[in-house]
Amino acid sequence: MGHEETLADDLLRGLRAIARFTGDSKSRTAALCEAGLIPVGKERGLWIASRRRLCEHYARLTAGVNFAPDHEKALAADEAQPSCTGHDH
């Protein structure tokens, strides 16, 4: 039987976890979060992100299509993008 991914598997909590996943420094990650340049949110003052959404964002970015929070249709249209696998938990 395969491993069924849970929400907990997908979530990154805190700048350190997000930075480790993206390979950026903590300070660069903070700047990207504050500027709204990566798909993240805050929960009680703690930055949170979805591994899947970050992978989709960087796949679009490297394909020449930038993330925009109000473009949910673009997110759905990108289902054919390669998935970001091989992350460690």
C-alpha atoms as a PDB file:
ATOM      1  CA  MET A   1       0.000   0.000   0.000  1.00  0.00           C
ATOM      2  CA  GLY A   2       1.225   3.491  -0.822  1.00  0.00           C
ATOM      3  CA  HIS A   3       1.648   6.340   1.575  1.00  0.00           C
ATOM      4  CA  GLU A   4      -1.345   8.683   1.527  1.00  0.00           C
ATOM      5  CA  GLU A   5      -0.110  12.244   1.925  1.00  0.00           C
ATOM      6  CA  THR A   6      -1.763  14.238   4.691  1.00  0.00           C
ATOM      7  CA  LEU A   7      -2.072  17.969   5.186  1.00  0.00           C
ATOM      8  CA  ALA A   8       0.614  17.694   7.862  1.00  0.00           C
ATOM      9  CA  ASP A   9       2.958  16.191   5.232  1.00  0.00           C
ATOM     10  CA  ASP A  10       2.383  19.211   2.979  1.00  0.00           C
ATOM     11  CA  LEU A  11       2.613  22.058   5.511  1.00  0.00           C
ATOM     12  CA  LEU A  12       5.764  23.968   6.351  1.00  0.00           C
ATOM     13  CA  ARG A  13       5.596  25.986   9.562  1.00  0.00           C
ATOM     14  CA  GLY A  14       7.968  28.875  10.160  1.00  0.00           C
ATOM     15  CA  LEU A  15      10.587  30.690   8.114  1.00  0.00           C
ATOM     16  CA  ARG A  16      13.285  28.127   8.881  1.00  0.00           C
ATOM     17  CA  ALA A  17      11.203  25.243   7.462  1.00  0.00           C
ATOM     18  CA  ILE A  18      10.186  27.245   4.388  1.00  0.00           C
ATOM     19  CA  ALA A  19      13.785  28.373   3.784  1.00  0.00           C
ATOM     20  CA  ARG A  20      15.122  24.847   4.163  1.00  0.00           C
ATOM     21  CA  PHE A  21      12.570  23.557   1.640  1.00  0.00           C
ATOM     22  CA  THR A  22      13.252  26.276  -0.962  1.00  0.00           C
ATOM     23  CA  GLY A  23      16.996  26.381  -0.394  1.00  0.00           C
ATOM     24  CA  ASP A  24      16.996  30.099   0.376  1.00  0.00           C
ATOM     25  CA  SER A  25      18.431  31.817   3.425  1.00  0.00           C
ATOM     26  CA  LYS A  26      16.060  32.622   6.265  1.00  0.00           C
ATOM     27  CA  SER A  27      16.472  36.369   5.639  1.00  0.00           C
ATOM     28  CA  ARG A  28      15.737  36.034   1.905  1.00  0.00           C
ATOM     29  CA  THR A  29      12.710  33.870   2.694  1.00  0.00           C
ATOM     30  CA  ALA A  30      11.456  36.493   5.164  1.00  0.00           C
ATOM     31  CA  ALA A  31      11.818  39.205   2.517  1.00  0.00           C
ATOM     32  CA  LEU A  32       9.957  37.100  -0.069  1.00  0.00           C
ATOM     33  CA  CYS A  33       7.164  36.378   2.427  1.00  0.00           C
ATOM     34  CA  GLU A  34       6.803  40.007   3.509  1.00  0.00           C
ATOM     35  CA  ALA A  35       6.728  41.194  -0.110  1.00  0.00           C
ATOM     36  CA  GLY A  36       4.086  38.619  -1.063  1.00  0.00           C
ATOM     37  CA  LEU A  37       6.369  37.102  -3.696  1.00  0.00           C
ATOM     38  CA  ILE A  38       5.844  33.490  -2.653  1.00  0.00           C
ATOM     39  CA  PRO A  39       2.563  31.739  -1.775  1.00  0.00           C
ATOM     40  CA  VAL A  40       2.549  31.799   2.029  1.00  0.00           C
ATOM     41  CA  GLY A  41       0.245  32.896   4.813  1.00  0.00           C
ATOM     42  CA  LYS A  42       0.416  33.745   8.470  1.00  0.00           C
ATOM     43  CA  GLU A  43      -1.287  31.874  11.265  1.00  0.00           C
ATOM     44  CA  ARG A  44      -1.039  33.619  14.637  1.00  0.00           C
ATOM     45  CA  GLY A  45       2.133  35.376  13.518  1.00  0.00           C
ATOM     46  CA  LEU A  46       3.807  32.223  12.143  1.00  0.00           C
ATOM     47  CA  TRP A  47       4.516  31.969   8.417  1.00  0.00           C
ATOM     48  CA  ILE A  48       3.070  28.791   6.907  1.00  0.00           C
ATOM     49  CA  ALA A  49       3.360  27.384   3.394  1.00  0.00           C
ATOM     50  CA  SER A  50       2.309  24.401   1.357  1.00  0.00           C
ATOM     51  CA  ARG A  51       5.080  22.339  -0.229  1.00  0.00           C
ATOM     52  CA  ARG A  52       2.786  21.701  -3.193  1.00  0.00           C
ATOM     53  CA  ARG A  53       1.970  25.396  -3.716  1.00  0.00           C
ATOM     54  CA  LEU A  54       5.636  26.378  -3.448  1.00  0.00           C
ATOM     55  CA  CYS A  55       6.564  23.745  -6.043  1.00  0.00           C
ATOM     56  CA  GLU A  56       3.794  24.957  -8.347  1.00  0.00           C
ATOM     57  CA  HIS A  57       4.925  28.565  -7.863  1.00  0.00           C
ATOM     58  CA  TYR A  58       8.548  27.836  -8.754  1.00  0.00           C
ATOM     59  CA  ALA A  59       7.521  25.620 -11.683  1.00  0.00           C
ATOM     60  CA  ARG A  60       5.470  28.533 -13.095  1.00  0.00           C
ATOM     61  CA  LEU A  61       8.186  31.042 -12.305  1.00  0.00           C
ATOM     62  CA  THR A  62      10.818  29.077 -14.171  1.00  0.00           C
ATOM     63  CA  ALA A  63       8.364  28.611 -17.053  1.00  0.00           C
ATOM     64  CA  GLY A  64       7.961  32.405 -17.246  1.00  0.00           C
ATOM     65  CA  VAL A  65       4.558  32.705 -15.527  1.00  0.00           C
ATOM     66  CA  ASN A  66       4.628  34.641 -12.247  1.00  0.00           C
ATOM     67  CA  PHE A  67       2.494  33.888  -9.181  1.00  0.00           C
ATOM     68  CA  ALA A  68      -0.388  36.224  -8.518  1.00  0.00           C
ATOM     69  CA  PRO A  69      -2.674  35.529  -5.531  1.00  0.00           C
ATOM     70  CA  ASP A  70      -5.797  36.431  -7.532  1.00  0.00           C
ATOM     71  CA  HIS A  71      -5.085  33.997 -10.351  1.00  0.00           C
ATOM     72  CA  GLU A  72      -6.545  30.794  -8.898  1.00  0.00           C
ATOM     73  CA  LYS A  73      -7.474  29.626 -12.411  1.00  0.00           C
ATOM     74  CA  ALA A  74      -3.777  29.542 -13.295  1.00  0.00           C
ATOM     75  CA  LEU A  75      -3.184  27.225 -10.342  1.00  0.00           C
ATOM     76  CA  ALA A  76      -5.820  24.794 -11.565  1.00  0.00           C
ATOM     77  CA  ALA A  77      -4.506  24.964 -15.137  1.00  0.00           C
ATOM     78  CA  ASP A  78      -1.044  23.932 -14.011  1.00  0.00           C
ATOM     79  CA  GLU A  79      -2.086  20.429 -12.960  1.00  0.00           C
ATOM     80  CA  ALA A  80       0.026  19.067 -15.839  1.00  0.00           C
ATOM     81  CA  GLN A  81       3.203  20.537 -14.302  1.00  0.00           C
ATOM     82  CA  PRO A  82       5.659  17.962 -12.929  1.00  0.00           C
ATOM     83  CA  SER A  83       5.116  17.425  -9.233  1.00  0.00           C
ATOM     84  CA  CYS A  84       7.788  18.306  -6.747  1.00  0.00           C
ATOM     85  CA  THR A  85       8.661  15.000  -5.109  1.00  0.00           C
ATOM     86  CA  GLY A  86      11.538  13.694  -3.129  1.00  0.00           C
ATOM     87  CA  HIS A  87      11.201  16.222  -0.308  1.00  0.00           C
ATOM     88  CA  ASP A  88      12.299  15.080   3.078  1.00  0.00           C
ATOM     89  CA  HIS A  89      10.138  15.446   6.149  1.00  0.00           C
END
